[in-house]
């Protein structure tokens, strides 16, 4: 991508993000900033299409080998109060549920 083109994408990405956060309609946002609303919509569409094009669905072939966690593997559970809990993969599910219930009530 050429430098000029990169600058345009960066500029419009910033403007589209600003407009979305502002809570204003596109027409009001563009009017206040002296922007062309139809041009704004074109860039908004381009940016949305570029974002969706980044992800491609991956299909796993049947019979793929399942991986098992290695020794020392752990699972991190992030709690609603900003704390996190790390347990080993062999930690009993029933004990985990009980522990989570206690931790969530102490929030």
C-alpha atoms as a PDB file:
ATOM      1  CA  UNK A   1       0.000   0.000   0.000  1.00  0.00           C
ATOM      2  CA  UNK A   2       1.385   3.393  -0.926  1.00  0.00           C
ATOM      3  CA  UNK A   3       2.089   5.984   1.781  1.00  0.00           C
ATOM      4  CA  UNK A   4      -0.686   8.310   0.598  1.00  0.00           C
ATOM      5  CA  UNK A   5      -3.179   5.470   0.614  1.00  0.00           C
ATOM      6  CA  UNK A   6      -2.102   4.402   4.126  1.00  0.00           C
ATOM      7  CA  UNK A   7      -2.637   7.942   5.376  1.00  0.00           C
ATOM      8  CA  UNK A   8      -6.128   8.036   3.864  1.00  0.00           C
ATOM      9  CA  UNK A   9      -7.093   4.717   5.482  1.00  0.00           C
ATOM     10  CA  UNK A  10      -5.710   5.875   8.826  1.00  0.00           C
ATOM     11  CA  UNK A  11      -7.512   9.217   8.589  1.00  0.00           C
ATOM     12  CA  UNK A  12     -10.888   7.687   7.708  1.00  0.00           C
ATOM     13  CA  UNK A  13     -10.578   4.904  10.278  1.00  0.00           C
ATOM     14  CA  UNK A  14     -10.072   7.612  12.915  1.00  0.00           C
ATOM     15  CA  UNK A  15     -13.016   9.677  11.645  1.00  0.00           C
ATOM     16  CA  UNK A  16     -15.391   6.697  11.473  1.00  0.00           C
ATOM     17  CA  UNK A  17     -14.390   5.606  14.988  1.00  0.00           C
ATOM     18  CA  UNK A  18     -14.812   9.164  16.312  1.00  0.00           C
ATOM     19  CA  UNK A  19     -18.259   9.469  14.740  1.00  0.00           C
ATOM     20  CA  UNK A  20     -19.402   6.167  16.249  1.00  0.00           C
ATOM     21  CA  UNK A  21     -18.223   7.213  19.713  1.00  0.00           C
ATOM     22  CA  UNK A  22     -19.718  10.696  19.419  1.00  0.00           C
ATOM     23  CA  UNK A  23     -23.301   9.448  19.319  1.00  0.00           C
ATOM     24  CA  UNK A  24     -24.021  11.923  16.518  1.00  0.00           C
ATOM     25  CA  UNK A  25     -25.618  10.984  13.238  1.00  0.00           C
ATOM     26  CA  UNK A  26     -23.280  10.815  10.261  1.00  0.00           C
ATOM     27  CA  UNK A  27     -24.975  13.899   8.788  1.00  0.00           C
ATOM     28  CA  UNK A  28     -24.465  15.985  11.954  1.00  0.00           C
ATOM     29  CA  UNK A  29     -20.889  14.764  12.429  1.00  0.00           C
ATOM     30  CA  UNK A  30     -19.966  15.569   8.824  1.00  0.00           C
ATOM     31  CA  UNK A  31     -21.729  18.950   8.866  1.00  0.00           C
ATOM     32  CA  UNK A  32     -19.782  20.048  11.987  1.00  0.00           C
ATOM     33  CA  UNK A  33     -16.465  19.043  10.424  1.00  0.00           C
ATOM     34  CA  UNK A  34     -17.088  20.116   6.850  1.00  0.00           C
ATOM     35  CA  UNK A  35     -16.976  16.538   5.550  1.00  0.00           C
ATOM     36  CA  UNK A  36     -18.946  15.138   2.633  1.00  0.00           C
ATOM     37  CA  UNK A  37     -21.497  12.683   4.114  1.00  0.00           C
ATOM     38  CA  UNK A  38     -21.679  10.429   0.998  1.00  0.00           C
ATOM     39  CA  UNK A  39     -17.869  10.222   0.969  1.00  0.00           C
ATOM     40  CA  UNK A  40     -17.985   9.347   4.688  1.00  0.00           C
ATOM     41  CA  UNK A  41     -20.418   6.492   3.985  1.00  0.00           C
ATOM     42  CA  UNK A  42     -18.159   5.150   1.212  1.00  0.00           C
ATOM     43  CA  UNK A  43     -15.200   5.014   3.598  1.00  0.00           C
ATOM     44  CA  UNK A  44     -17.305   3.553   6.396  1.00  0.00           C
ATOM     45  CA  UNK A  45     -18.323   0.723   4.052  1.00  0.00           C
ATOM     46  CA  UNK A  46     -14.729   0.175   2.843  1.00  0.00           C
ATOM     47  CA  UNK A  47     -13.451  -0.066   6.398  1.00  0.00           C
ATOM     48  CA  UNK A  48     -16.215  -2.475   7.434  1.00  0.00           C
ATOM     49  CA  UNK A  49     -15.523  -4.706   4.413  1.00  0.00           C
ATOM     50  CA  UNK A  50     -11.775  -4.642   5.092  1.00  0.00           C
ATOM     51  CA  UNK A  51     -12.396  -5.718   8.695  1.00  0.00           C
ATOM     52  CA  UNK A  52     -14.657  -8.621   7.765  1.00  0.00           C
ATOM     53  CA  UNK A  53     -12.226  -9.780   5.082  1.00  0.00           C
ATOM     54  CA  UNK A  54      -9.518 -10.432   7.689  1.00  0.00           C
ATOM     55  CA  UNK A  55     -11.182 -13.515   9.130  1.00  0.00           C
ATOM     56  CA  UNK A  56     -11.582 -16.767   7.275  1.00  0.00           C
ATOM     57  CA  UNK A  57     -13.499 -19.723   8.670  1.00  0.00           C
ATOM     58  CA  UNK A  58     -11.319 -22.764   9.222  1.00  0.00           C
ATOM     59  CA  UNK A  59     -12.797 -26.237   8.853  1.00  0.00           C
ATOM     60  CA  UNK A  60     -10.960 -29.036  10.642  1.00  0.00           C
ATOM     61  CA  UNK A  61     -10.694 -32.267   8.724  1.00  0.00           C
ATOM     62  CA  UNK A  62     -12.424 -35.189  10.349  1.00  0.00           C
ATOM     63  CA  UNK A  63     -10.094 -37.444  12.243  1.00  0.00           C
ATOM     64  CA  UNK A  64      -7.781 -34.603  13.294  1.00  0.00           C
ATOM     65  CA  UNK A  65      -5.625 -35.622  16.195  1.00  0.00           C
ATOM     66  CA  UNK A  66      -6.884 -34.244  19.497  1.00  0.00           C
ATOM     67  CA  UNK A  67      -4.261 -32.590  21.622  1.00  0.00           C
ATOM     68  CA  UNK A  68      -4.090 -33.196  25.332  1.00  0.00           C
ATOM     69  CA  UNK A  69      -2.673 -30.692  27.774  1.00  0.00           C
ATOM     70  CA  UNK A  70       0.870 -31.387  28.822  1.00  0.00           C
ATOM     71  CA  UNK A  71       2.185 -31.618  32.363  1.00  0.00           C
ATOM     72  CA  UNK A  72       1.880 -28.349  34.230  1.00  0.00           C
ATOM     73  CA  UNK A  73      -0.904 -27.071  31.952  1.00  0.00           C
ATOM     74  CA  UNK A  74      -3.390 -24.762  33.641  1.00  0.00           C
ATOM     75  CA  UNK A  75      -6.732 -23.101  33.050  1.00  0.00           C
ATOM     76  CA  UNK A  76      -7.287 -19.461  33.991  1.00  0.00           C
ATOM     77  CA  UNK A  77     -10.800 -18.388  34.963  1.00  0.00           C
ATOM     78  CA  UNK A  78     -11.424 -14.641  35.011  1.00  0.00           C
ATOM     79  CA  UNK A  79     -13.992 -13.638  37.593  1.00  0.00           C
ATOM     80  CA  UNK A  80     -16.448 -10.771  37.295  1.00  0.00           C
ATOM     81  CA  UNK A  81     -14.743  -8.822  40.080  1.00  0.00           C
ATOM     82  CA  UNK A  82     -11.481  -8.468  38.148  1.00  0.00           C
ATOM     83  CA  UNK A  83      -9.741 -11.325  39.941  1.00  0.00           C
ATOM     84  CA  UNK A  84      -8.642 -14.531  38.265  1.00  0.00           C
ATOM     85  CA  UNK A  85      -8.251 -18.123  39.361  1.00  0.00           C
ATOM     86  CA  UNK A  86      -5.687 -20.521  37.901  1.00  0.00           C
ATOM     87  CA  UNK A  87      -6.192 -24.267  38.337  1.00  0.00           C
ATOM     88  CA  UNK A  88      -4.506 -27.331  36.915  1.00  0.00           C
ATOM     89  CA  UNK A  89      -6.257 -29.285  34.171  1.00  0.00           C
ATOM     90  CA  UNK A  90      -6.873 -32.213  36.537  1.00  0.00           C
ATOM     91  CA  UNK A  91      -8.676 -30.016  39.081  1.00  0.00           C
ATOM     92  CA  UNK A  92     -12.071 -31.590  39.872  1.00  0.00           C
ATOM     93  CA  UNK A  93     -14.998 -29.833  38.133  1.00  0.00           C
ATOM     94  CA  UNK A  94     -17.222 -30.122  41.221  1.00  0.00           C
ATOM     95  CA  UNK A  95     -14.582 -28.524  43.427  1.00  0.00           C
ATOM     96  CA  UNK A  96     -14.106 -25.782  40.838  1.00  0.00           C
ATOM     97  CA  UNK A  97     -17.858 -25.004  40.819  1.00  0.00           C
ATOM     98  CA  UNK A  98     -17.904 -24.821  44.625  1.00  0.00           C
ATOM     99  CA  UNK A  99     -14.806 -22.622  44.703  1.00  0.00           C
ATOM    100  CA  UNK A 100     -16.231 -20.272  42.080  1.00  0.00           C
ATOM    101  CA  UNK A 101     -19.508 -19.981  44.005  1.00  0.00           C
ATOM    102  CA  UNK A 102     -17.620 -18.975  47.153  1.00  0.00           C
ATOM    103  CA  UNK A 103     -15.388 -16.495  45.325  1.00  0.00           C
ATOM    104  CA  UNK A 104     -18.282 -14.860  43.467  1.00  0.00           C
ATOM    105  CA  UNK A 105     -20.237 -14.294  46.715  1.00  0.00           C
ATOM    106  CA  UNK A 106     -17.218 -12.553  48.264  1.00  0.00           C
ATOM    107  CA  UNK A 107     -17.108  -9.953  45.483  1.00  0.00           C
END
